[in-house]
Amino acid sequence: NLNSQTTAFLLRKRWALYSVTPLYKFSRAHLKAYAKLLSAYIATEKQKGLAVEVGVELDIKVAVSSLPDLKGSDQDETAILVQISLRSQASQKMSEEKLVWSGWFCSVCGDDLSKNVPADFTCLPVFLANGAESYTSIVGSWFQKTFDCCFHRLAISPLNLSWMAAMWTGCKVEENASAIELVFSVPHLPQSLDISYAIHPEDAKALWDTVQKTPGEITQEEVDVFMDCLYSHFHRHFKIHLSATKLVKVSTAIASAHCDGIIKFLQSQYITEVLMLLTELAISQIQ
């Protein structure tokens, strides 16, 4: 159960996905110290190598904190939030700070990874970032150097996107839910061409209900049948074989996901379920 502040922070933002290997000798008791060190590191990088003393008042402020309610089980590590704020150089010390970048590590039902690593390691396999890529790069570099871990962009395959389309179609949402949209990229063309396929949510749900054999369980065969039915319907109307294209984006009332590893959470009650899937994808990439 997520509190309202966490929910408001996560929803409707564009989050870039990364997988992260286990962090070596990371300690939640030292979050404030990490914030000071990271703040100095960012300032140094921004000033192109000029040394910055740790603890000195900076125009860049870093906060590192816990998100204790972002867990899928008691075995999961507590999520960690990193935020970067800026203060204008022309303003006074007491002026308001502007949040310019956020990133967070989490593991939701990631027991398969955590139970197989030594005690000195902390498993937070999913990292999500919102803000300038330059800050993401600097923060990732500091964590890699400090905790001997590796960051990798977490791309989402067409197969996983089709699973997301099926799973999220089957979720119950409030009335007047937005249409389900599938975006396909047409290969081997001189110029890029995308095909957008929108389905009324009630029609998609009715189709999925006829395909799914056991409520609460999903098989690859059911996902394939669901997508094939959508392809057949599209071909009947437009004479285009979507099976010859590449699924690159899925948008539903629950969330939207792009093959480049971009996610948006759109329904608060399903954030944990979406993070469970992302944790599974991140672990599969690490292993």
C-alpha atoms as a PDB file:
ATOM      1  CA  ASN A   1       0.000   0.000   0.000  1.00  0.00           C
ATOM      2  CA  LEU A   2       1.722   3.173  -1.197  1.00  0.00           C
ATOM      3  CA  ASN A   3       1.219   6.428   0.659  1.00  0.00           C
ATOM      4  CA  SER A   4      -0.206   9.391  -1.241  1.00  0.00           C
ATOM      5  CA  GLN A   5       3.110  11.276  -1.327  1.00  0.00           C
ATOM      6  CA  THR A   6       4.961   8.350  -2.919  1.00  0.00           C
ATOM      7  CA  THR A   7       2.119   7.795  -5.376  1.00  0.00           C
ATOM      8  CA  ALA A   8       2.042  11.448  -6.454  1.00  0.00           C
ATOM      9  CA  PHE A   9       5.813  11.382  -6.950  1.00  0.00           C
ATOM     10  CA  LEU A  10       5.760   8.268  -9.171  1.00  0.00           C
ATOM     11  CA  LEU A  11       2.686   8.784 -11.325  1.00  0.00           C
ATOM     12  CA  ARG A  12       2.665  10.235 -14.844  1.00  0.00           C
ATOM     13  CA  LYS A  13       6.389  10.904 -15.058  1.00  0.00           C
ATOM     14  CA  ARG A  14       8.676   9.627 -17.793  1.00  0.00           C
ATOM     15  CA  TRP A  15      11.036   7.145 -16.109  1.00  0.00           C
ATOM     16  CA  ALA A  16      14.086   5.740 -17.918  1.00  0.00           C
ATOM     17  CA  LEU A  17      14.797   2.140 -16.893  1.00  0.00           C
ATOM     18  CA  TYR A  18      18.136   0.601 -15.927  1.00  0.00           C
ATOM     19  CA  SER A  19      19.191  -2.744 -14.513  1.00  0.00           C
ATOM     20  CA  VAL A  20      21.763  -2.627 -11.703  1.00  0.00           C
ATOM     21  CA  THR A  21      24.000  -5.385 -10.392  1.00  0.00           C
ATOM     22  CA  PRO A  22      24.148  -5.819  -6.562  1.00  0.00           C
ATOM     23  CA  LEU A  23      25.754  -2.947  -4.626  1.00  0.00           C
ATOM     24  CA  TYR A  24      28.820  -3.922  -2.561  1.00  0.00           C
ATOM     25  CA  LYS A  25      28.884  -2.697   1.065  1.00  0.00           C
ATOM     26  CA  PHE A  26      26.005  -0.274   0.643  1.00  0.00           C
ATOM     27  CA  SER A  27      24.559   0.777   4.024  1.00  0.00           C
ATOM     28  CA  ARG A  28      21.271   2.528   4.748  1.00  0.00           C
ATOM     29  CA  ALA A  29      22.860   3.928   7.915  1.00  0.00           C
ATOM     30  CA  HIS A  30      25.052   6.185   5.757  1.00  0.00           C
ATOM     31  CA  LEU A  31      22.510   7.795   3.412  1.00  0.00           C
ATOM     32  CA  LYS A  32      23.286  11.348   4.582  1.00  0.00           C
ATOM     33  CA  ALA A  33      27.007  10.757   4.077  1.00  0.00           C
ATOM     34  CA  TYR A  34      26.342   9.377   0.596  1.00  0.00           C
ATOM     35  CA  ALA A  35      24.335  12.503  -0.226  1.00  0.00           C
ATOM     36  CA  LYS A  36      27.264  14.784   0.721  1.00  0.00           C
ATOM     37  CA  LEU A  37      29.772  12.713  -1.227  1.00  0.00           C
ATOM     38  CA  LEU A  38      27.544  12.526  -4.296  1.00  0.00           C
ATOM     39  CA  SER A  39      26.835  16.266  -4.106  1.00  0.00           C
ATOM     40  CA  ALA A  40      30.560  17.018  -4.121  1.00  0.00           C
ATOM     41  CA  TYR A  41      31.098  14.549  -6.970  1.00  0.00           C
ATOM     42  CA  ILE A  42      28.392  16.163  -9.108  1.00  0.00           C
ATOM     43  CA  ALA A  43      29.765  19.641  -8.428  1.00  0.00           C
ATOM     44  CA  THR A  44      33.248  18.459  -9.369  1.00  0.00           C
ATOM     45  CA  GLU A  45      32.019  16.923 -12.614  1.00  0.00           C
ATOM     46  CA  LYS A  46      30.065  20.086 -13.453  1.00  0.00           C
ATOM     47  CA  GLN A  47      33.169  22.205 -12.840  1.00  0.00           C
ATOM     48  CA  LYS A  48      35.228  19.909 -15.053  1.00  0.00           C
ATOM     49  CA  GLY A  49      37.550  18.489 -12.475  1.00  0.00           C
ATOM     50  CA  LEU A  50      37.967  21.368 -10.020  1.00  0.00           C
ATOM     51  CA  ALA A  51      38.021  19.945  -6.481  1.00  0.00           C
ATOM     52  CA  VAL A  52      35.073  20.677  -4.196  1.00  0.00           C
ATOM     53  CA  GLU A  53      35.342  20.222  -0.450  1.00  0.00           C
ATOM     54  CA  VAL A  54      32.839  17.770   1.024  1.00  0.00           C
ATOM     55  CA  GLY A  55      30.313  19.532   3.278  1.00  0.00           C
ATOM     56  CA  VAL A  56      30.683  23.014   1.770  1.00  0.00           C
ATOM     57  CA  GLU A  57      27.396  24.759   0.867  1.00  0.00           C
ATOM     58  CA  LEU A  58      26.846  24.122  -2.833  1.00  0.00           C
ATOM     59  CA  ASP A  59      24.467  25.319  -5.516  1.00  0.00           C
ATOM     60  CA  ILE A  60      23.760  21.616  -6.071  1.00  0.00           C
ATOM     61  CA  LYS A  61      21.996  19.733  -3.294  1.00  0.00           C
ATOM     62  CA  VAL A  62      21.605  15.954  -3.182  1.00  0.00           C
ATOM     63  CA  ALA A  63      19.164  14.100  -0.933  1.00  0.00           C
ATOM     64  CA  VAL A  64      19.303  10.318  -0.464  1.00  0.00           C
ATOM     65  CA  SER A  65      16.406   8.725   1.415  1.00  0.00           C
ATOM     66  CA  SER A  66      14.377   5.530   1.774  1.00  0.00           C
ATOM     67  CA  LEU A  67      11.011   4.655   0.231  1.00  0.00           C
ATOM     68  CA  PRO A  68       9.938   1.969   2.710  1.00  0.00           C
ATOM     69  CA  ASP A  69       6.503   1.304   1.185  1.00  0.00           C
ATOM     70  CA  LEU A  70       7.894   0.340  -2.244  1.00  0.00           C
ATOM     71  CA  LYS A  71       8.300  -3.364  -1.495  1.00  0.00           C
ATOM     72  CA  GLY A  72       6.599  -6.482  -2.760  1.00  0.00           C
ATOM     73  CA  SER A  73       7.589  -8.762   0.124  1.00  0.00           C
ATOM     74  CA  ASP A  74       9.358  -8.633   3.473  1.00  0.00           C
ATOM     75  CA  GLN A  75      12.470 -10.082   1.819  1.00  0.00           C
ATOM     76  CA  ASP A  76      12.810  -7.149  -0.591  1.00  0.00           C
ATOM     77  CA  GLU A  77      15.395  -4.465   0.078  1.00  0.00           C
ATOM     78  CA  THR A  78      13.989  -1.043   0.929  1.00  0.00           C
ATOM     79  CA  ALA A  79      13.852   1.253  -2.110  1.00  0.00           C
ATOM     80  CA  ILE A  80      16.324   4.161  -2.212  1.00  0.00           C
ATOM     81  CA  LEU A  81      15.483   7.598  -3.607  1.00  0.00           C
ATOM     82  CA  VAL A  82      18.106  10.035  -4.922  1.00  0.00           C
ATOM     83  CA  GLN A  83      17.089  13.638  -5.685  1.00  0.00           C
ATOM     84  CA  ILE A  84      19.104  16.541  -7.074  1.00  0.00           C
ATOM     85  CA  SER A  85      18.035  20.144  -6.474  1.00  0.00           C
ATOM     86  CA  LEU A  86      19.554  23.390  -7.730  1.00  0.00           C
ATOM     87  CA  ARG A  87      19.730  26.834  -6.191  1.00  0.00           C
ATOM     88  CA  SER A  88      20.286  29.822  -8.462  1.00  0.00           C
ATOM     89  CA  GLN A  89      23.739  31.375  -7.987  1.00  0.00           C
ATOM     90  CA  ALA A  90      22.173  34.828  -7.991  1.00  0.00           C
ATOM     91  CA  SER A  91      19.745  34.024  -5.179  1.00  0.00           C
ATOM     92  CA  GLN A  92      20.191  34.111  -1.418  1.00  0.00           C
ATOM     93  CA  LYS A  93      20.973  31.118   0.774  1.00  0.00           C
ATOM     94  CA  MET A  94      17.392  30.785   1.988  1.00  0.00           C
ATOM     95  CA  SER A  95      15.906  30.789  -1.499  1.00  0.00           C
ATOM     96  CA  GLU A  96      13.815  27.868  -2.696  1.00  0.00           C
ATOM     97  CA  GLU A  97      15.538  24.927  -4.325  1.00  0.00           C
ATOM     98  CA  LYS A  98      14.317  23.500  -7.620  1.00  0.00           C
ATOM     99  CA  LEU A  99      14.161  19.726  -8.027  1.00  0.00           C
ATOM    100  CA  VAL A 100      15.827  18.935 -11.357  1.00  0.00           C
ATOM    101  CA  TRP A 101      16.448  15.178 -11.254  1.00  0.00           C
ATOM    102  CA  SER A 102      15.145  12.100  -9.437  1.00  0.00           C
ATOM    103  CA  GLY A 103      16.232   8.486  -9.471  1.00  0.00           C
ATOM    104  CA  TRP A 104      15.330   5.481  -7.372  1.00  0.00           C
ATOM    105  CA  PHE A 105      16.495   1.934  -6.822  1.00  0.00           C
ATOM    106  CA  CYS A 106      14.000  -0.795  -6.015  1.00  0.00           C
ATOM    107  CA  SER A 107      13.354  -4.509  -5.867  1.00  0.00           C
ATOM    108  CA  VAL A 108       9.766  -5.770  -5.844  1.00  0.00           C
ATOM    109  CA  CYS A 109       9.542  -9.520  -5.305  1.00  0.00           C
ATOM    110  CA  GLY A 110      13.194  -9.877  -6.325  1.00  0.00           C
ATOM    111  CA  ASP A 111      13.916 -12.824  -4.039  1.00  0.00           C
ATOM    112  CA  ASP A 112      15.457 -14.877  -6.874  1.00  0.00           C
ATOM    113  CA  LEU A 113      18.411 -12.484  -6.999  1.00  0.00           C
ATOM    114  CA  SER A 114      18.850 -11.561  -3.336  1.00  0.00           C
ATOM    115  CA  LYS A 115      18.954 -15.141  -2.048  1.00  0.00           C
ATOM    116  CA  ASN A 116      21.898 -15.978  -4.320  1.00  0.00           C
ATOM    117  CA  VAL A 117      24.316 -13.185  -3.342  1.00  0.00           C
ATOM    118  CA  PRO A 118      26.651 -12.817  -0.309  1.00  0.00           C
ATOM    119  CA  ALA A 119      25.610 -10.776   2.721  1.00  0.00           C
ATOM    120  CA  ASP A 120      27.862  -7.815   1.781  1.00  0.00           C
ATOM    121  CA  PHE A 121      25.739  -7.088  -1.287  1.00  0.00           C
ATOM    122  CA  THR A 122      22.468  -5.133  -1.513  1.00  0.00           C
ATOM    123  CA  CYS A 123      20.129  -6.166  -4.341  1.00  0.00           C
ATOM    124  CA  LEU A 124      18.194  -3.300  -5.913  1.00  0.00           C
ATOM    125  CA  PRO A 125      18.117  -4.453  -9.558  1.00  0.00           C
ATOM    126  CA  VAL A 126      15.800  -1.762 -10.993  1.00  0.00           C
ATOM    127  CA  PHE A 127      16.834   1.873 -11.299  1.00  0.00           C
ATOM    128  CA  LEU A 128      14.427   4.498 -12.669  1.00  0.00           C
ATOM    129  CA  ALA A 129      15.514   8.034 -13.564  1.00  0.00           C
ATOM    130  CA  ASN A 130      13.586  11.193 -14.404  1.00  0.00           C
ATOM    131  CA  GLY A 131      15.539  14.232 -15.564  1.00  0.00           C
ATOM    132  CA  ALA A 132      18.532  15.190 -17.679  1.00  0.00           C
ATOM    133  CA  GLU A 133      20.606  12.252 -18.932  1.00  0.00           C
ATOM    134  CA  SER A 134      23.763  14.121 -17.891  1.00  0.00           C
ATOM    135  CA  TYR A 135      22.746  13.793 -14.235  1.00  0.00           C
ATOM    136  CA  THR A 136      21.796  10.152 -14.734  1.00  0.00           C
ATOM    137  CA  SER A 137      25.248   9.493 -16.155  1.00  0.00           C
ATOM    138  CA  ILE A 138      27.034  11.245 -13.280  1.00  0.00           C
ATOM    139  CA  VAL A 139      24.952   9.567 -10.582  1.00  0.00           C
ATOM    140  CA  GLY A 140      25.385   6.178 -12.226  1.00  0.00           C
ATOM    141  CA  SER A 141      29.145   6.732 -12.463  1.00  0.00           C
ATOM    142  CA  TRP A 142      29.382   7.583  -8.753  1.00  0.00           C
ATOM    143  CA  PHE A 143      27.385   4.526  -7.671  1.00  0.00           C
ATOM    144  CA  GLN A 144      29.452   2.270  -9.936  1.00  0.00           C
ATOM    145  CA  LYS A 145      32.729   3.575  -8.516  1.00  0.00           C
ATOM    146  CA  THR A 146      31.540   3.604  -4.897  1.00  0.00           C
ATOM    147  CA  PHE A 147      29.680   0.275  -4.733  1.00  0.00           C
ATOM    148  CA  ASP A 148      31.348  -1.742  -7.500  1.00  0.00           C
ATOM    149  CA  CYS A 149      28.110  -2.200  -9.452  1.00  0.00           C
ATOM    150  CA  CYS A 150      27.147  -1.848 -13.116  1.00  0.00           C
ATOM    151  CA  PHE A 151      24.280   0.069 -14.740  1.00  0.00           C
ATOM    152  CA  HIS A 152      22.743  -1.007 -18.060  1.00  0.00           C
ATOM    153  CA  ARG A 153      19.801   0.453 -19.950  1.00  0.00           C
ATOM    154  CA  LEU A 154      16.863  -1.913 -19.601  1.00  0.00           C
ATOM    155  CA  ALA A 155      15.289  -2.255 -23.029  1.00  0.00           C
ATOM    156  CA  ILE A 156      11.884  -3.930 -23.338  1.00  0.00           C
ATOM    157  CA  SER A 157      11.534  -6.527 -26.100  1.00  0.00           C
ATOM    158  CA  PRO A 158       8.445  -6.804 -28.343  1.00  0.00           C
ATOM    159  CA  LEU A 159       7.676 -10.100 -26.598  1.00  0.00           C
ATOM    160  CA  ASN A 160       7.654  -8.427 -23.177  1.00  0.00           C
ATOM    161  CA  LEU A 161       5.597  -5.534 -24.551  1.00  0.00           C
ATOM    162  CA  SER A 162       2.976  -8.002 -25.780  1.00  0.00           C
ATOM    163  CA  TRP A 163       2.874  -9.530 -22.282  1.00  0.00           C
ATOM    164  CA  MET A 164       2.347  -6.072 -20.823  1.00  0.00           C
ATOM    165  CA  ALA A 165      -0.484  -5.415 -23.290  1.00  0.00           C
ATOM    166  CA  ALA A 166      -2.228  -8.640 -22.301  1.00  0.00           C
ATOM    167  CA  MET A 167      -1.689  -8.319 -18.538  1.00  0.00           C
ATOM    168  CA  TRP A 168      -2.702  -4.666 -18.323  1.00  0.00           C
ATOM    169  CA  THR A 169      -5.741  -5.243 -20.539  1.00  0.00           C
ATOM    170  CA  GLY A 170      -6.987  -7.756 -17.981  1.00  0.00           C
ATOM    171  CA  CYS A 171      -6.727  -5.344 -15.046  1.00  0.00           C
ATOM    172  CA  LYS A 172      -9.841  -3.705 -13.676  1.00  0.00           C
ATOM    173  CA  VAL A 173      -9.856   0.098 -13.780  1.00  0.00           C
ATOM    174  CA  GLU A 174     -12.394   2.815 -13.193  1.00  0.00           C
ATOM    175  CA  GLU A 175     -14.929   3.733 -15.852  1.00  0.00           C
ATOM    176  CA  ASN A 176     -13.952   5.909 -18.824  1.00  0.00           C
ATOM    177  CA  ALA A 177     -10.514   4.314 -19.030  1.00  0.00           C
ATOM    178  CA  SER A 178      -8.306   5.456 -21.890  1.00  0.00           C
ATOM    179  CA  ALA A 179      -8.023   3.413 -25.074  1.00  0.00           C
ATOM    180  CA  ILE A 180      -5.354   0.750 -25.352  1.00  0.00           C
ATOM    181  CA  GLU A 181      -2.797   1.844 -27.926  1.00  0.00           C
ATOM    182  CA  LEU A 182      -0.203  -0.340 -29.605  1.00  0.00           C
ATOM    183  CA  VAL A 183       2.481   1.332 -31.700  1.00  0.00           C
ATOM    184  CA  PHE A 184       4.328  -0.677 -34.351  1.00  0.00           C
ATOM    185  CA  SER A 185       7.462   0.279 -36.280  1.00  0.00           C
ATOM    186  CA  VAL A 186       7.637  -0.739 -39.936  1.00  0.00           C
ATOM    187  CA  PRO A 187      11.126  -2.082 -40.767  1.00  0.00           C
ATOM    188  CA  HIS A 188      13.257  -1.709 -43.887  1.00  0.00           C
ATOM    189  CA  LEU A 189      11.971   1.689 -44.989  1.00  0.00           C
ATOM    190  CA  PRO A 190      14.088   4.702 -46.046  1.00  0.00           C
ATOM    191  CA  GLN A 191      12.199   6.815 -43.516  1.00  0.00           C
ATOM    192  CA  SER A 192      10.768   5.657 -40.220  1.00  0.00           C
ATOM    193  CA  LEU A 193       7.072   4.805 -40.222  1.00  0.00           C
ATOM    194  CA  ASP A 194       4.975   3.941 -37.182  1.00  0.00           C
ATOM    195  CA  ILE A 195       1.484   2.452 -37.100  1.00  0.00           C
ATOM    196  CA  SER A 196      -0.733   3.314 -34.139  1.00  0.00           C
ATOM    197  CA  TYR A 197      -3.489   0.828 -33.292  1.00  0.00           C
ATOM    198  CA  ALA A 198      -6.066   1.974 -30.713  1.00  0.00           C
ATOM    199  CA  ILE A 199      -8.562  -0.456 -29.162  1.00  0.00           C
ATOM    200  CA  HIS A 200     -11.508   0.443 -26.944  1.00  0.00           C
ATOM    201  CA  PRO A 201     -10.634  -0.840 -23.433  1.00  0.00           C
ATOM    202  CA  GLU A 202     -13.932  -2.722 -23.032  1.00  0.00           C
ATOM    203  CA  ASP A 203     -13.462  -4.480 -26.384  1.00  0.00           C
ATOM    204  CA  ALA A 204      -9.891  -5.443 -25.506  1.00  0.00           C
ATOM    205  CA  LYS A 205     -10.989  -6.696 -22.064  1.00  0.00           C
ATOM    206  CA  ALA A 206     -13.795  -8.765 -23.611  1.00  0.00           C
ATOM    207  CA  LEU A 207     -11.310 -10.338 -26.039  1.00  0.00           C
ATOM    208  CA  TRP A 208      -8.843 -11.117 -23.267  1.00  0.00           C
ATOM    209  CA  ASP A 209     -11.573 -12.694 -21.141  1.00  0.00           C
ATOM    210  CA  THR A 210     -12.332 -15.110 -23.972  1.00  0.00           C
ATOM    211  CA  VAL A 211      -8.652 -15.987 -24.335  1.00  0.00           C
ATOM    212  CA  GLN A 212      -7.572 -16.354 -20.699  1.00  0.00           C
ATOM    213  CA  LYS A 213      -8.337 -19.817 -19.385  1.00  0.00           C
ATOM    214  CA  THR A 214      -7.441 -19.419 -15.700  1.00  0.00           C
ATOM    215  CA  PRO A 215      -8.044 -16.027 -14.031  1.00  0.00           C
ATOM    216  CA  GLY A 216      -4.891 -14.769 -12.323  1.00  0.00           C
ATOM    217  CA  GLU A 217      -2.622 -16.884 -14.520  1.00  0.00           C
ATOM    218  CA  ILE A 218      -1.206 -16.003 -17.927  1.00  0.00           C
ATOM    219  CA  THR A 219       0.591 -18.260 -20.399  1.00  0.00           C
ATOM    220  CA  GLN A 220       2.630 -17.459 -23.492  1.00  0.00           C
ATOM    221  CA  GLU A 221       0.044 -19.262 -25.592  1.00  0.00           C
ATOM    222  CA  GLU A 222      -2.716 -16.951 -24.298  1.00  0.00           C
ATOM    223  CA  VAL A 223      -0.638 -13.852 -25.019  1.00  0.00           C
ATOM    224  CA  ASP A 224       0.069 -15.116 -28.558  1.00  0.00           C
ATOM    225  CA  VAL A 225      -3.633 -15.822 -29.203  1.00  0.00           C
ATOM    226  CA  PHE A 226      -4.601 -12.391 -27.866  1.00  0.00           C
ATOM    227  CA  MET A 227      -2.113 -10.595 -30.119  1.00  0.00           C
ATOM    228  CA  ASP A 228      -2.979 -12.754 -33.147  1.00  0.00           C
ATOM    229  CA  CYS A 229      -6.664 -11.830 -32.746  1.00  0.00           C
ATOM    230  CA  LEU A 230      -5.744  -8.148 -32.689  1.00  0.00           C
ATOM    231  CA  TYR A 231      -3.534  -8.616 -35.766  1.00  0.00           C
ATOM    232  CA  SER A 232      -6.323 -10.434 -37.637  1.00  0.00           C
ATOM    233  CA  HIS A 233      -8.839  -7.715 -36.851  1.00  0.00           C
ATOM    234  CA  PHE A 234      -6.430  -5.024 -38.072  1.00  0.00           C
ATOM    235  CA  HIS A 235      -5.660  -6.949 -41.270  1.00  0.00           C
ATOM    236  CA  ARG A 236      -9.354  -7.430 -41.982  1.00  0.00           C
ATOM    237  CA  HIS A 237      -9.880  -3.659 -41.980  1.00  0.00           C
ATOM    238  CA  PHE A 238      -6.600  -2.308 -43.385  1.00  0.00           C
ATOM    239  CA  LYS A 239      -4.978  -5.263 -45.193  1.00  0.00           C
ATOM    240  CA  ILE A 240      -1.749  -4.732 -43.250  1.00  0.00           C
ATOM    241  CA  HIS A 241       0.119  -7.609 -41.583  1.00  0.00           C
ATOM    242  CA  LEU A 242       1.196  -6.253 -38.184  1.00  0.00           C
ATOM    243  CA  SER A 243       3.068  -9.499 -37.565  1.00  0.00           C
ATOM    244  CA  ALA A 244       5.644  -8.213 -40.074  1.00  0.00           C
ATOM    245  CA  THR A 245       6.259  -5.085 -37.987  1.00  0.00           C
ATOM    246  CA  LYS A 246       7.879  -4.518 -34.581  1.00  0.00           C
ATOM    247  CA  LEU A 247       5.840  -3.670 -31.483  1.00  0.00           C
ATOM    248  CA  VAL A 248       7.619  -0.670 -29.918  1.00  0.00           C
ATOM    249  CA  LYS A 249       5.113   0.840 -27.470  1.00  0.00           C
ATOM    250  CA  VAL A 250       2.151  -0.189 -25.353  1.00  0.00           C
ATOM    251  CA  SER A 251      -0.174   2.341 -23.673  1.00  0.00           C
ATOM    252  CA  THR A 252      -3.016   1.322 -21.370  1.00  0.00           C
ATOM    253  CA  ALA A 253      -4.879   2.803 -18.414  1.00  0.00           C
ATOM    254  CA  ILE A 254      -2.415   0.973 -16.117  1.00  0.00           C
ATOM    255  CA  ALA A 255       0.883   2.157 -17.589  1.00  0.00           C
ATOM    256  CA  SER A 256       2.716   2.861 -20.811  1.00  0.00           C
ATOM    257  CA  ALA A 257       5.990   1.278 -21.864  1.00  0.00           C
ATOM    258  CA  HIS A 258       8.379   1.877 -24.772  1.00  0.00           C
ATOM    259  CA  CYS A 259      10.928  -0.563 -26.172  1.00  0.00           C
ATOM    260  CA  ASP A 260      13.732   1.922 -25.413  1.00  0.00           C
ATOM    261  CA  GLY A 261      13.127   1.357 -21.706  1.00  0.00           C
ATOM    262  CA  ILE A 262      10.729   4.188 -20.846  1.00  0.00           C
ATOM    263  CA  ILE A 263       7.838   3.627 -18.440  1.00  0.00           C
ATOM    264  CA  LYS A 264       4.970   5.741 -17.101  1.00  0.00           C
ATOM    265  CA  PHE A 265       2.840   4.644 -14.158  1.00  0.00           C
ATOM    266  CA  LEU A 266      -0.762   5.725 -14.650  1.00  0.00           C
ATOM    267  CA  GLN A 267      -2.729   3.880 -11.945  1.00  0.00           C
ATOM    268  CA  SER A 268      -1.620   3.997  -8.304  1.00  0.00           C
ATOM    269  CA  GLN A 269      -3.130   0.636  -7.342  1.00  0.00           C
ATOM    270  CA  TYR A 270      -1.049  -1.209  -9.967  1.00  0.00           C
ATOM    271  CA  ILE A 271       2.368   0.384  -9.375  1.00  0.00           C
ATOM    272  CA  THR A 272       3.596  -2.615  -7.359  1.00  0.00           C
ATOM    273  CA  GLU A 273       2.481  -5.091 -10.034  1.00  0.00           C
ATOM    274  CA  VAL A 274       4.283  -3.123 -12.768  1.00  0.00           C
ATOM    275  CA  LEU A 275       7.437  -2.954 -10.632  1.00  0.00           C
ATOM    276  CA  MET A 276       7.282  -6.724 -10.094  1.00  0.00           C
ATOM    277  CA  LEU A 277       7.479  -7.221 -13.845  1.00  0.00           C
ATOM    278  CA  LEU A 278      10.305  -4.674 -14.232  1.00  0.00           C
ATOM    279  CA  THR A 279      12.233  -6.369 -11.412  1.00  0.00           C
ATOM    280  CA  GLU A 280      11.884  -9.699 -13.197  1.00  0.00           C
ATOM    281  CA  LEU A 281      13.141  -8.182 -16.476  1.00  0.00           C
ATOM    282  CA  ALA A 282      16.089  -6.498 -14.736  1.00  0.00           C
ATOM    283  CA  ILE A 283      17.111  -9.708 -12.949  1.00  0.00           C
ATOM    284  CA  SER A 284      16.953 -11.682 -16.202  1.00  0.00           C
ATOM    285  CA  GLN A 285      19.330  -9.147 -17.789  1.00  0.00           C
ATOM    286  CA  ILE A 286      21.747  -9.277 -14.833  1.00  0.00           C
ATOM    287  CA  GLN A 287      21.824 -13.079 -14.806  1.00  0.00           C
END
